[in-house]
Amino acid sequence: MITKTEHSINISFPANVIKFVFEEGDENNPWDHEVDDFRRNWKVTNKKLWARNVFAALRHLLLDEEEDGSSKLTKLMDEAFTRAIEDGSNAVEEDGRTHKELSEDGV
């Protein structure tokens, strides 16, 4: 679920949704030719602990920095910024000042 408050954007995944999406996902349910059916590889036995484990994995996947200091999360945010502008956001305007000019202006 993605929500917006006055001062933040929040993304949340309830534990029961994380459990369901994992257990029912294609990666966890490959086709088994021997039995001519899908076979679930893993089932979640503790959804709260599973959510904590997935959170830890997401932190690493999204925040691990590359050599240039970027991460998957910063790249995703850059894509969202570009999309918002391309979708016609009225909350920004073109600027064009150099960093030197910005520092001279006290920005």
PDB file of N, CA and C in Angstrom:
ATOM      1  N   MET A   1       0.844  -1.167   0.000  1.00  0.00           N
ATOM      2  CA  MET A   1       0.000   0.000   0.000  1.00  0.00           C
ATOM      3  C   MET A   1       0.896   1.240   0.000  1.00  0.00           C
ATOM      4  N   ILE A   2       0.575   2.195  -0.843  1.00  0.00           N
ATOM      5  CA  ILE A   2       1.310   3.451  -0.890  1.00  0.00           C
ATOM      6  C   ILE A   2       0.349   4.558  -0.481  1.00  0.00           C
ATOM      7  N   THR A   3       0.751   5.332   0.523  1.00  0.00           N
ATOM      8  CA  THR A   3      -0.065   6.450   0.988  1.00  0.00           C
ATOM      9  C   THR A   3       0.795   7.698   1.068  1.00  0.00           C
ATOM     10  N   LYS A   4       0.134   8.851   1.086  1.00  0.00           N
ATOM     11  CA  LYS A   4       0.827  10.123   1.196  1.00  0.00           C
ATOM     12  C   LYS A   4       0.199  10.901   2.341  1.00  0.00           C
ATOM     13  N   THR A   5       1.066  11.409   3.196  1.00  0.00           N
ATOM     14  CA  THR A   5       0.613  12.329   4.227  1.00  0.00           C
ATOM     15  C   THR A   5       1.093  13.719   3.816  1.00  0.00           C
ATOM     16  N   GLU A   6       0.873  14.688   4.658  1.00  0.00           N
ATOM     17  CA  GLU A   6       1.304  16.044   4.318  1.00  0.00           C
ATOM     18  C   GLU A   6       2.811  16.130   4.127  1.00  0.00           C
ATOM     19  N   HIS A   7       3.572  15.325   4.900  1.00  0.00           N
ATOM     20  CA  HIS A   7       5.031  15.452   4.889  1.00  0.00           C
ATOM     21  C   HIS A   7       5.785  14.202   4.455  1.00  0.00           C
ATOM     22  N   SER A   8       5.089  13.158   4.037  1.00  0.00           N
ATOM     23  CA  SER A   8       5.828  11.943   3.672  1.00  0.00           C
ATOM     24  C   SER A   8       5.045  11.070   2.697  1.00  0.00           C
ATOM     25  N   ILE A   9       5.783  10.198   2.061  1.00  0.00           N
ATOM     26  CA  ILE A   9       5.217   9.132   1.238  1.00  0.00           C
ATOM     27  C   ILE A   9       5.530   7.837   1.973  1.00  0.00           C
ATOM     28  N   ASN A  10       4.528   7.003   2.173  1.00  0.00           N
ATOM     29  CA  ASN A  10       4.701   5.768   2.939  1.00  0.00           C
ATOM     30  C   ASN A  10       4.348   4.558   2.084  1.00  0.00           C
ATOM     31  N   ILE A  11       5.225   3.581   2.112  1.00  0.00           N
ATOM     32  CA  ILE A  11       4.979   2.315   1.425  1.00  0.00           C
ATOM     33  C   ILE A  11       4.952   1.240   2.498  1.00  0.00           C
ATOM     34  N   SER A  12       3.856   0.508   2.571  1.00  0.00           N
ATOM     35  CA  SER A  12       3.766  -0.539   3.586  1.00  0.00           C
ATOM     36  C   SER A  12       3.265  -1.835   2.960  1.00  0.00           C
ATOM     37  N   PHE A  13       3.760  -2.915   3.487  1.00  0.00           N
ATOM     38  CA  PHE A  13       3.354  -4.241   3.069  1.00  0.00           C
ATOM     39  C   PHE A  13       2.944  -5.012   4.315  1.00  0.00           C
ATOM     40  N   PRO A  14       1.654  -5.186   4.555  1.00  0.00           N
ATOM     41  CA  PRO A  14       1.237  -5.961   5.726  1.00  0.00           C
ATOM     42  C   PRO A  14       1.799  -7.383   5.673  1.00  0.00           C
ATOM     43  N   ALA A  15       2.073  -7.944   6.847  1.00  0.00           N
ATOM     44  CA  ALA A  15       2.684  -9.281   6.932  1.00  0.00           C
ATOM     45  C   ALA A  15       1.855 -10.329   6.188  1.00  0.00           C
ATOM     46  N   ASN A  16       0.533 -10.240   6.277  1.00  0.00           N
ATOM     47  CA  ASN A  16      -0.293 -11.242   5.599  1.00  0.00           C
ATOM     48  C   ASN A  16      -0.184 -11.119   4.077  1.00  0.00           C
ATOM     49  N   VAL A  17       0.047  -9.900   3.572  1.00  0.00           N
ATOM     50  CA  VAL A  17       0.223  -9.705   2.131  1.00  0.00           C
ATOM     51  C   VAL A  17       1.580 -10.262   1.689  1.00  0.00           C
ATOM     52  N   ILE A  18       2.617 -10.007   2.480  1.00  0.00           N
ATOM     53  CA  ILE A  18       3.943 -10.546   2.160  1.00  0.00           C
ATOM     54  C   ILE A  18       3.882 -12.070   2.103  1.00  0.00           C
ATOM     55  N   LYS A  19       3.234 -12.666   3.067  1.00  0.00           N
ATOM     56  CA  LYS A  19       3.073 -14.131   3.107  1.00  0.00           C
ATOM     57  C   LYS A  19       2.339 -14.620   1.862  1.00  0.00           C
ATOM     58  N   PHE A  20       1.199 -14.009   1.562  1.00  0.00           N
ATOM     59  CA  PHE A  20       0.382 -14.447   0.429  1.00  0.00           C
ATOM     60  C   PHE A  20       1.132 -14.308  -0.899  1.00  0.00           C
ATOM     61  N   VAL A  21       1.723 -13.146  -1.118  1.00  0.00           N
ATOM     62  CA  VAL A  21       2.418 -12.894  -2.385  1.00  0.00           C
ATOM     63  C   VAL A  21       3.563 -13.877  -2.580  1.00  0.00           C
ATOM     64  N   PHE A  22       4.295 -14.161  -1.500  1.00  0.00           N
ATOM     65  CA  PHE A  22       5.388 -15.123  -1.600  1.00  0.00           C
ATOM     66  C   PHE A  22       4.862 -16.530  -1.881  1.00  0.00           C
ATOM     67  N   GLU A  23       3.912 -16.980  -1.069  1.00  0.00           N
ATOM     68  CA  GLU A  23       3.428 -18.357  -1.206  1.00  0.00           C
ATOM     69  C   GLU A  23       2.744 -18.614  -2.537  1.00  0.00           C
ATOM     70  N   GLU A  24       2.079 -17.599  -3.087  1.00  0.00           N
ATOM     71  CA  GLU A  24       1.341 -17.787  -4.337  1.00  0.00           C
ATOM     72  C   GLU A  24       2.117 -17.366  -5.575  1.00  0.00           C
ATOM     73  N   GLY A  25       3.302 -16.792  -5.379  1.00  0.00           N
ATOM     74  CA  GLY A  25       4.078 -16.280  -6.506  1.00  0.00           C
ATOM     75  C   GLY A  25       4.641 -17.366  -7.410  1.00  0.00           C
ATOM     76  N   ASP A  26       4.894 -16.988  -8.638  1.00  0.00           N
ATOM     77  CA  ASP A  26       5.416 -17.919  -9.640  1.00  0.00           C
ATOM     78  C   ASP A  26       6.752 -18.532  -9.230  1.00  0.00           C
ATOM     79  N   GLU A  27       7.644 -17.723  -8.636  1.00  0.00           N
ATOM     80  CA  GLU A  27       8.961 -18.229  -8.247  1.00  0.00           C
ATOM     81  C   GLU A  27       8.855 -19.365  -7.230  1.00  0.00           C
ATOM     82  N   ASN A  28       7.846 -19.318  -6.402  1.00  0.00           N
ATOM     83  CA  ASN A  28       7.672 -20.327  -5.355  1.00  0.00           C
ATOM     84  C   ASN A  28       6.779 -21.481  -5.800  1.00  0.00           C
ATOM     85  N   ASN A  29       6.234 -21.404  -6.997  1.00  0.00           N
ATOM     86  CA  ASN A  29       5.304 -22.423  -7.478  1.00  0.00           C
ATOM     87  C   ASN A  29       5.638 -22.857  -8.898  1.00  0.00           C
ATOM     88  N   PRO A  30       6.797 -23.456  -9.087  1.00  0.00           N
ATOM     89  CA  PRO A  30       7.167 -23.876 -10.444  1.00  0.00           C
ATOM     90  C   PRO A  30       6.347 -25.095 -10.899  1.00  0.00           C
ATOM     91  N   TRP A  31       6.306 -25.253 -12.196  1.00  0.00           N
ATOM     92  CA  TRP A  31       5.613 -26.396 -12.772  1.00  0.00           C
ATOM     93  C   TRP A  31       6.453 -27.646 -12.556  1.00  0.00           C
ATOM     94  N   ASP A  32       5.836 -28.692 -12.060  1.00  0.00           N
ATOM     95  CA  ASP A  32       6.504 -29.972 -11.852  1.00  0.00           C
ATOM     96  C   ASP A  32       6.008 -30.942 -12.925  1.00  0.00           C
ATOM     97  N   HIS A  33       6.869 -31.231 -13.900  1.00  0.00           N
ATOM     98  CA  HIS A  33       6.478 -32.091 -15.024  1.00  0.00           C
ATOM     99  C   HIS A  33       6.180 -33.518 -14.587  1.00  0.00           C
ATOM    100  N   GLU A  34       6.815 -33.964 -13.515  1.00  0.00           N
ATOM    101  CA  GLU A  34       6.601 -35.341 -13.056  1.00  0.00           C
ATOM    102  C   GLU A  34       5.181 -35.574 -12.573  1.00  0.00           C
ATOM    103  N   VAL A  35       4.573 -34.572 -11.965  1.00  0.00           N
ATOM    104  CA  VAL A  35       3.206 -34.731 -11.447  1.00  0.00           C
ATOM    105  C   VAL A  35       2.198 -33.930 -12.259  1.00  0.00           C
ATOM    106  N   ASP A  36       2.670 -33.221 -13.288  1.00  0.00           N
ATOM    107  CA  ASP A  36       1.813 -32.437 -14.161  1.00  0.00           C
ATOM    108  C   ASP A  36       0.981 -31.417 -13.374  1.00  0.00           C
ATOM    109  N   ASP A  37       1.661 -30.708 -12.485  1.00  0.00           N
ATOM    110  CA  ASP A  37       0.992 -29.711 -11.645  1.00  0.00           C
ATOM    111  C   ASP A  37       2.050 -28.746 -11.093  1.00  0.00           C
ATOM    112  N   PHE A  38       1.589 -27.618 -10.574  1.00  0.00           N
ATOM    113  CA  PHE A  38       2.488 -26.689  -9.891  1.00  0.00           C
ATOM    114  C   PHE A  38       2.799 -27.246  -8.508  1.00  0.00           C
ATOM    115  N   ARG A  39       4.015 -26.998  -8.050  1.00  0.00           N
ATOM    116  CA  ARG A  39       4.411 -27.461  -6.719  1.00  0.00           C
ATOM    117  C   ARG A  39       4.950 -26.268  -5.925  1.00  0.00           C
ATOM    118  N   ARG A  40       4.338 -26.023  -4.761  1.00  0.00           N
ATOM    119  CA  ARG A  40       4.804 -24.935  -3.901  1.00  0.00           C
ATOM    120  C   ARG A  40       6.058 -25.395  -3.178  1.00  0.00           C
ATOM    121  N   ASN A  41       7.137 -24.625  -3.333  1.00  0.00           N
ATOM    122  CA  ASN A  41       8.418 -24.985  -2.726  1.00  0.00           C
ATOM    123  C   ASN A  41       8.471 -24.675  -1.234  1.00  0.00           C
ATOM    124  N   TRP A  42       7.936 -23.527  -0.831  1.00  0.00           N
ATOM    125  CA  TRP A  42       8.058 -23.065   0.550  1.00  0.00           C
ATOM    126  C   TRP A  42       6.716 -22.578   1.063  1.00  0.00           C
ATOM    127  N   LYS A  43       6.461 -22.774   2.363  1.00  0.00           N
ATOM    128  CA  LYS A  43       5.296 -22.177   3.001  1.00  0.00           C
ATOM    129  C   LYS A  43       5.784 -21.376   4.203  1.00  0.00           C
ATOM    130  N   VAL A  44       5.107 -20.305   4.506  1.00  0.00           N
ATOM    131  CA  VAL A  44       5.468 -19.439   5.620  1.00  0.00           C
ATOM    132  C   VAL A  44       4.807 -19.992   6.879  1.00  0.00           C
ATOM    133  N   THR A  45       5.617 -20.198   7.915  1.00  0.00           N
ATOM    134  CA  THR A  45       5.092 -20.724   9.177  1.00  0.00           C
ATOM    135  C   THR A  45       4.989 -19.656  10.258  1.00  0.00           C
ATOM    136  N   ASN A  46       5.655 -18.508  10.043  1.00  0.00           N
ATOM    137  CA  ASN A  46       5.606 -17.407  10.993  1.00  0.00           C
ATOM    138  C   ASN A  46       5.633 -16.112  10.179  1.00  0.00           C
ATOM    139  N   LYS A  47       4.446 -15.554   9.908  1.00  0.00           N
ATOM    140  CA  LYS A  47       4.378 -14.404   8.995  1.00  0.00           C
ATOM    141  C   LYS A  47       5.045 -13.153   9.554  1.00  0.00           C
ATOM    142  N   LYS A  48       5.034 -12.944  10.869  1.00  0.00           N
ATOM    143  CA  LYS A  48       5.696 -11.765  11.434  1.00  0.00           C
ATOM    144  C   LYS A  48       7.210 -11.873  11.299  1.00  0.00           C
ATOM    145  N   LEU A  49       7.761 -13.040  11.588  1.00  0.00           N
ATOM    146  CA  LEU A  49       9.197 -13.250  11.429  1.00  0.00           C
ATOM    147  C   LEU A  49       9.579 -13.180   9.952  1.00  0.00           C
ATOM    148  N   TRP A  50       8.751 -13.756   9.082  1.00  0.00           N
ATOM    149  CA  TRP A  50       9.005 -13.711   7.641  1.00  0.00           C
ATOM    150  C   TRP A  50       9.041 -12.259   7.165  1.00  0.00           C
ATOM    151  N   ALA A  51       8.115 -11.434   7.645  1.00  0.00           N
ATOM    152  CA  ALA A  51       8.100 -10.024   7.265  1.00  0.00           C
ATOM    153  C   ALA A  51       9.389  -9.333   7.716  1.00  0.00           C
ATOM    154  N   ARG A  52       9.878  -9.659   8.919  1.00  0.00           N
ATOM    155  CA  ARG A  52      11.152  -9.079   9.390  1.00  0.00           C
ATOM    156  C   ARG A  52      12.305  -9.513   8.495  1.00  0.00           C
ATOM    157  N   ASN A  53      12.304 -10.795   8.108  1.00  0.00           N
ATOM    158  CA  ASN A  53      13.366 -11.310   7.244  1.00  0.00           C
ATOM    159  C   ASN A  53      13.331 -10.652   5.870  1.00  0.00           C
ATOM    160  N   VAL A  54      12.141 -10.489   5.328  1.00  0.00           N
ATOM    161  CA  VAL A  54      11.991  -9.843   4.019  1.00  0.00           C
ATOM    162  C   VAL A  54      12.394  -8.373   4.119  1.00  0.00           C
ATOM    163  N   PHE A  55      12.040  -7.710   5.215  1.00  0.00           N
ATOM    164  CA  PHE A  55      12.453  -6.324   5.442  1.00  0.00           C
ATOM    165  C   PHE A  55      13.971  -6.200   5.411  1.00  0.00           C
ATOM    166  N   ALA A  56      14.663  -7.089   6.112  1.00  0.00           N
ATOM    167  CA  ALA A  56      16.131  -7.044   6.136  1.00  0.00           C
ATOM    168  C   ALA A  56      16.697  -7.234   4.729  1.00  0.00           C
ATOM    169  N   ALA A  57      16.118  -8.170   3.986  1.00  0.00           N
ATOM    170  CA  ALA A  57      16.580  -8.412   2.613  1.00  0.00           C
ATOM    171  C   ALA A  57      16.320  -7.197   1.727  1.00  0.00           C
ATOM    172  N   LEU A  58      15.144  -6.581   1.872  1.00  0.00           N
ATOM    173  CA  LEU A  58      14.824  -5.390   1.082  1.00  0.00           C
ATOM    174  C   LEU A  58      15.772  -4.242   1.391  1.00  0.00           C
ATOM    175  N   ARG A  59      16.103  -4.061   2.667  1.00  0.00           N
ATOM    176  CA  ARG A  59      17.047  -3.000   3.036  1.00  0.00           C
ATOM    177  C   ARG A  59      18.357  -3.168   2.282  1.00  0.00           C
ATOM    178  N   HIS A  60      18.853  -4.409   2.261  1.00  0.00           N
ATOM    179  CA  HIS A  60      20.113  -4.661   1.551  1.00  0.00           C
ATOM    180  C   HIS A  60      19.943  -4.448   0.053  1.00  0.00           C
ATOM    181  N   LEU A  61      18.873  -5.004  -0.512  1.00  0.00           N
ATOM    182  CA  LEU A  61      18.675  -4.894  -1.957  1.00  0.00           C
ATOM    183  C   LEU A  61      18.470  -3.453  -2.409  1.00  0.00           C
ATOM    184  N   LEU A  62      17.742  -2.680  -1.624  1.00  0.00           N
ATOM    185  CA  LEU A  62      17.420  -1.317  -2.033  1.00  0.00           C
ATOM    186  C   LEU A  62      18.483  -0.299  -1.661  1.00  0.00           C
ATOM    187  N   LEU A  63      19.210  -0.534  -0.576  1.00  0.00           N
ATOM    188  CA  LEU A  63      20.108   0.497  -0.068  1.00  0.00           C
ATOM    189  C   LEU A  63      21.591   0.238  -0.280  1.00  0.00           C
ATOM    190  N   ASP A  64      21.975  -0.975  -0.668  1.00  0.00           N
ATOM    191  CA  ASP A  64      23.390  -1.236  -0.917  1.00  0.00           C
ATOM    192  C   ASP A  64      23.881  -0.299  -2.022  1.00  0.00           C
ATOM    193  N   GLU A  65      24.959   0.415  -1.737  1.00  0.00           N
ATOM    194  CA  GLU A  65      25.466   1.410  -2.672  1.00  0.00           C
ATOM    195  C   GLU A  65      26.389   0.794  -3.712  1.00  0.00           C
ATOM    196  N   GLU A  66      26.292   1.335  -4.904  1.00  0.00           N
ATOM    197  CA  GLU A  66      27.197   0.970  -5.980  1.00  0.00           C
ATOM    198  C   GLU A  66      28.404   1.896  -5.910  1.00  0.00           C
ATOM    199  N   GLU A  67      29.371   1.701  -6.803  1.00  0.00           N
ATOM    200  CA  GLU A  67      30.599   2.501  -6.766  1.00  0.00           C
ATOM    201  C   GLU A  67      30.334   3.999  -6.867  1.00  0.00           C
ATOM    202  N   ASP A  68      29.295   4.387  -7.598  1.00  0.00           N
ATOM    203  CA  ASP A  68      29.004   5.810  -7.784  1.00  0.00           C
ATOM    204  C   ASP A  68      28.159   6.393  -6.655  1.00  0.00           C
ATOM    205  N   GLY A  69      27.865   5.599  -5.628  1.00  0.00           N
ATOM    206  CA  GLY A  69      27.081   6.074  -4.489  1.00  0.00           C
ATOM    207  C   GLY A  69      25.584   5.904  -4.654  1.00  0.00           C
ATOM    208  N   SER A  70      25.152   5.466  -5.822  1.00  0.00           N
ATOM    209  CA  SER A  70      23.724   5.253  -6.038  1.00  0.00           C
ATOM    210  C   SER A  70      23.314   3.888  -5.491  1.00  0.00           C
ATOM    211  N   SER A  71      22.018   3.703  -5.378  1.00  0.00           N
ATOM    212  CA  SER A  71      21.470   2.418  -4.956  1.00  0.00           C
ATOM    213  C   SER A  71      20.223   2.157  -5.800  1.00  0.00           C
ATOM    214  N   LYS A  72      19.660   0.972  -5.675  1.00  0.00           N
ATOM    215  CA  LYS A  72      18.425   0.691  -6.406  1.00  0.00           C
ATOM    216  C   LYS A  72      17.326   1.648  -5.977  1.00  0.00           C
ATOM    217  N   LEU A  73      17.319   2.016  -4.694  1.00  0.00           N
ATOM    218  CA  LEU A  73      16.299   2.940  -4.216  1.00  0.00           C
ATOM    219  C   LEU A  73      16.489   4.334  -4.815  1.00  0.00           C
ATOM    220  N   THR A  74      17.712   4.844  -4.857  1.00  0.00           N
ATOM    221  CA  THR A  74      17.917   6.172  -5.440  1.00  0.00           C
ATOM    222  C   THR A  74      17.591   6.158  -6.933  1.00  0.00           C
ATOM    223  N   LYS A  75      17.898   5.064  -7.612  1.00  0.00           N
ATOM    224  CA  LYS A  75      17.559   4.963  -9.033  1.00  0.00           C
ATOM    225  C   LYS A  75      16.047   4.921  -9.231  1.00  0.00           C
ATOM    226  N   LEU A  76      15.351   4.200  -8.365  1.00  0.00           N
ATOM    227  CA  LEU A  76      13.891   4.146  -8.429  1.00  0.00           C
ATOM    228  C   LEU A  76      13.295   5.534  -8.184  1.00  0.00           C
ATOM    229  N   MET A  77      13.833   6.251  -7.200  1.00  0.00           N
ATOM    230  CA  MET A  77      13.353   7.603  -6.916  1.00  0.00           C
ATOM    231  C   MET A  77      13.627   8.530  -8.107  1.00  0.00           C
ATOM    232  N   ASP A  78      14.802   8.423  -8.725  1.00  0.00           N
ATOM    233  CA  ASP A  78      15.102   9.232  -9.905  1.00  0.00           C
ATOM    234  C   ASP A  78      14.082   8.975 -11.011  1.00  0.00           C
ATOM    235  N   GLU A  79      13.728   7.708 -11.212  1.00  0.00           N
ATOM    236  CA  GLU A  79      12.725   7.365 -12.221  1.00  0.00           C
ATOM    237  C   GLU A  79      11.372   7.970 -11.868  1.00  0.00           C
ATOM    238  N   ALA A  80      11.012   7.946 -10.578  1.00  0.00           N
ATOM    239  CA  ALA A  80       9.736   8.523 -10.145  1.00  0.00           C
ATOM    240  C   ALA A  80       9.733  10.036 -10.350  1.00  0.00           C
ATOM    241  N   PHE A  81      10.862  10.703 -10.042  1.00  0.00           N
ATOM    242  CA  PHE A  81      10.949  12.152 -10.255  1.00  0.00           C
ATOM    243  C   PHE A  81      10.735  12.485 -11.730  1.00  0.00           C
ATOM    244  N   THR A  82      11.425  11.753 -12.600  1.00  0.00           N
ATOM    245  CA  THR A  82      11.319  11.988 -14.040  1.00  0.00           C
ATOM    246  C   THR A  82       9.891  11.742 -14.512  1.00  0.00           C
ATOM    247  N   ARG A  83       9.297  10.669 -14.041  1.00  0.00           N
ATOM    248  CA  ARG A  83       7.919  10.347 -14.448  1.00  0.00           C
ATOM    249  C   ARG A  83       6.949  11.436 -14.008  1.00  0.00           C
ATOM    250  N   ALA A  84       7.115  11.936 -12.782  1.00  0.00           N
ATOM    251  CA  ALA A  84       6.227  12.995 -12.291  1.00  0.00           C
ATOM    252  C   ALA A  84       6.330  14.237 -13.167  1.00  0.00           C
ATOM    253  N   ILE A  85       7.560  14.585 -13.572  1.00  0.00           N
ATOM    254  CA  ILE A  85       7.753  15.744 -14.443  1.00  0.00           C
ATOM    255  C   ILE A  85       7.133  15.485 -15.809  1.00  0.00           C
ATOM    256  N   GLU A  86       7.397  14.297 -16.363  1.00  0.00           N
ATOM    257  CA  GLU A  86       6.857  13.958 -17.682  1.00  0.00           C
ATOM    258  C   GLU A  86       5.335  13.868 -17.668  1.00  0.00           C
ATOM    259  N   ASP A  87       4.755  13.522 -16.516  1.00  0.00           N
ATOM    260  CA  ASP A  87       3.302  13.454 -16.388  1.00  0.00           C
ATOM    261  C   ASP A  87       2.676  14.828 -16.183  1.00  0.00           C
ATOM    262  N   GLY A  88       3.512  15.884 -16.165  1.00  0.00           N
ATOM    263  CA  GLY A  88       3.000  17.245 -16.125  1.00  0.00           C
ATOM    264  C   GLY A  88       2.864  17.866 -14.755  1.00  0.00           C
ATOM    265  N   SER A  89       3.713  17.467 -13.819  1.00  0.00           N
ATOM    266  CA  SER A  89       3.634  18.056 -12.476  1.00  0.00           C
ATOM    267  C   SER A  89       3.693  19.573 -12.537  1.00  0.00           C
ATOM    268  N   ASN A  90       2.819  20.216 -11.781  1.00  0.00           N
ATOM    269  CA  ASN A  90       2.820  21.677 -11.670  1.00  0.00           C
ATOM    270  C   ASN A  90       3.586  22.138 -10.440  1.00  0.00           C
ATOM    271  N   ALA A  91       4.271  21.216  -9.766  1.00  0.00           N
ATOM    272  CA  ALA A  91       4.969  21.527  -8.520  1.00  0.00           C
ATOM    273  C   ALA A  91       6.433  21.875  -8.730  1.00  0.00           C
ATOM    274  N   VAL A  92       6.911  21.803  -9.969  1.00  0.00           N
ATOM    275  CA  VAL A  92       8.307  22.122 -10.265  1.00  0.00           C
ATOM    276  C   VAL A  92       8.353  23.065 -11.464  1.00  0.00           C
ATOM    277  N   GLU A  93       9.453  23.768 -11.583  1.00  0.00           N
ATOM    278  CA  GLU A  93       9.681  24.592 -12.771  1.00  0.00           C
ATOM    279  C   GLU A  93      11.142  24.466 -13.157  1.00  0.00           C
ATOM    280  N   GLU A  94      11.416  24.677 -14.433  1.00  0.00           N
ATOM    281  CA  GLU A  94      12.797  24.596 -14.900  1.00  0.00           C
ATOM    282  C   GLU A  94      13.625  25.663 -14.209  1.00  0.00           C
ATOM    283  N   ASP A  95      14.882  25.313 -13.900  1.00  0.00           N
ATOM    284  CA  ASP A  95      15.750  26.229 -13.167  1.00  0.00           C
ATOM    285  C   ASP A  95      16.948  26.596 -14.025  1.00  0.00           C
ATOM    286  N   GLY A  96      17.854  25.673 -14.261  1.00  0.00           N
ATOM    287  CA  GLY A  96      18.984  25.908 -15.152  1.00  0.00           C
ATOM    288  C   GLY A  96      20.214  26.529 -14.526  1.00  0.00           C
ATOM    289  N   ARG A  97      20.157  26.892 -13.228  1.00  0.00           N
ATOM    290  CA  ARG A  97      21.342  27.486 -12.600  1.00  0.00           C
ATOM    291  C   ARG A  97      22.424  26.433 -12.378  1.00  0.00           C
ATOM    292  N   THR A  98      23.676  26.840 -12.478  1.00  0.00           N
ATOM    293  CA  THR A  98      24.789  25.949 -12.182  1.00  0.00           C
ATOM    294  C   THR A  98      24.937  25.819 -10.667  1.00  0.00           C
ATOM    295  N   HIS A  99      25.700  24.854 -10.230  1.00  0.00           N
ATOM    296  CA  HIS A  99      25.948  24.695  -8.787  1.00  0.00           C
ATOM    297  C   HIS A  99      26.683  25.896  -8.225  1.00  0.00           C
ATOM    298  N   LYS A 100      27.554  26.468  -9.029  1.00  0.00           N
ATOM    299  CA  LYS A 100      28.267  27.673  -8.578  1.00  0.00           C
ATOM    300  C   LYS A 100      27.265  28.807  -8.348  1.00  0.00           C
ATOM    301  N   GLU A 101      26.339  28.964  -9.285  1.00  0.00           N
ATOM    302  CA  GLU A 101      25.330  30.005  -9.142  1.00  0.00           C
ATOM    303  C   GLU A 101      24.428  29.747  -7.922  1.00  0.00           C
ATOM    304  N   LEU A 102      24.116  28.489  -7.695  1.00  0.00           N
ATOM    305  CA  LEU A 102      23.285  28.153  -6.535  1.00  0.00           C
ATOM    306  C   LEU A 102      23.992  28.498  -5.229  1.00  0.00           C
ATOM    307  N   SER A 103      25.290  28.184  -5.153  1.00  0.00           N
ATOM    308  CA  SER A 103      26.027  28.483  -3.930  1.00  0.00           C
ATOM    309  C   SER A 103      26.158  29.991  -3.734  1.00  0.00           C
ATOM    310  N   GLU A 104      26.298  30.736  -4.818  1.00  0.00           N
ATOM    311  CA  GLU A 104      26.358  32.203  -4.725  1.00  0.00           C
ATOM    312  C   GLU A 104      25.032  32.791  -4.261  1.00  0.00           C
ATOM    313  N   ASP A 105      23.932  32.103  -4.603  1.00  0.00           N
ATOM    314  CA  ASP A 105      22.607  32.549  -4.203  1.00  0.00           C
ATOM    315  C   ASP A 105      22.242  32.060  -2.803  1.00  0.00           C
ATOM    316  N   GLY A 106      23.162  31.299  -2.177  1.00  0.00           N
ATOM    317  CA  GLY A 106      22.909  30.796  -0.839  1.00  0.00           C
ATOM    318  C   GLY A 106      21.964  29.619  -0.780  1.00  0.00           C
ATOM    319  N   VAL A 107      21.818  28.900  -1.879  1.00  0.00           N
ATOM    320  CA  VAL A 107      20.920  27.734  -1.933  1.00  0.00           C
ATOM    321  C   VAL A 107      21.693  26.485  -1.522  1.00  0.00           C
TER     322      VAL A 107
END
